[in-house]
Amino acid sequence: MAHPKKRQSSSRQGKRRAHDHAKTPTLALCNNCGAWHVYHTVCNDCGYYRGKLAIEKDAIA
């Protein structure tokens, strides 16, 4: 197993980890109901994706 000869500085470690943060998902408006949903996924409210019914949602009254 590799063993480092010198200690890596905290600034160098921070530069390496600079891109490891969590990113916020891109949101889009549903064309059918107007609700916000995660981009490239089925709408949670109506079940439509790109103008077509993808998942049957039961109407709760």
Protein backbone atom coordinates (compact mmCIF):
# COMPACT_ATOMS: atom_id res chain seq x y z
CA MET A 1 0.00 0.00 0.00
CA ALA A 2 1.30 3.45 -0.85
CA HIS A 3 2.65 5.53 2.00
CA PRO A 4 3.05 9.31 1.64
CA LYS A 5 6.50 10.74 2.40
CA LYS A 6 5.24 14.23 3.29
CA ARG A 7 2.08 15.52 4.96
CA GLN A 8 -0.34 17.17 2.57
CA SER A 9 -1.27 20.70 3.63
CA SER A 10 -4.84 21.60 4.54
CA SER A 11 -5.02 24.15 1.70
CA ARG A 12 -4.06 21.49 -0.83
CA GLN A 13 -6.62 19.14 0.68
CA GLY A 14 -9.24 21.90 0.45
CA LYS A 15 -8.46 22.49 -3.22
CA ARG A 16 -8.98 18.81 -3.94
CA ARG A 17 -12.30 18.73 -2.06
CA ALA A 18 -13.58 22.00 -3.54
CA HIS A 19 -15.88 20.22 -6.03
CA ASP A 20 -17.26 17.58 -3.65
CA HIS A 21 -20.10 19.70 -2.25
CA ALA A 22 -23.75 18.78 -2.73
CA LYS A 23 -25.46 20.63 -5.57
CA THR A 24 -29.08 21.77 -5.57
CA PRO A 25 -31.22 19.88 -8.09
CA THR A 26 -32.50 21.78 -11.12
CA LEU A 27 -36.22 22.41 -10.92
CA ALA A 28 -38.70 22.80 -13.77
CA LEU A 29 -42.34 23.82 -14.09
CA CYS A 30 -44.80 21.09 -15.06
CA ASN A 31 -46.56 21.84 -18.35
CA ASN A 32 -49.70 20.05 -17.19
CA CYS A 33 -50.34 21.35 -13.66
CA GLY A 34 -47.76 24.13 -13.18
CA ALA A 35 -46.11 22.58 -10.12
CA TRP A 36 -42.35 22.53 -9.57
CA HIS A 37 -40.61 19.17 -10.03
CA VAL A 38 -37.06 17.88 -10.40
CA TYR A 39 -35.80 18.24 -13.98
CA HIS A 40 -36.02 15.07 -16.15
CA THR A 41 -38.39 13.34 -13.72
CA VAL A 42 -42.11 12.67 -13.52
CA CYS A 43 -44.19 15.36 -11.79
CA ASN A 44 -45.13 14.29 -8.25
CA ASP A 45 -48.46 16.11 -8.35
CA CYS A 46 -50.02 14.95 -11.63
CA GLY A 47 -47.82 12.08 -12.87
CA TYR A 48 -47.07 13.64 -16.26
CA TYR A 49 -43.65 13.72 -17.98
CA ARG A 50 -43.03 15.79 -21.14
CA GLY A 51 -46.76 16.19 -21.80
CA LYS A 52 -47.62 12.49 -21.51
CA LEU A 53 -49.17 10.57 -18.64
CA ALA A 54 -46.41 8.45 -17.09
CA ILE A 55 -47.94 7.40 -13.76
CA GLU A 56 -51.65 7.08 -12.93
CA LYS A 57 -52.45 9.31 -9.96
CA ASP A 58 -55.66 8.56 -8.05
CA ALA A 59 -57.89 11.60 -7.55
CA ILE A 60 -58.26 12.07 -3.77
CA ALA A 61 -61.35 14.11 -2.95
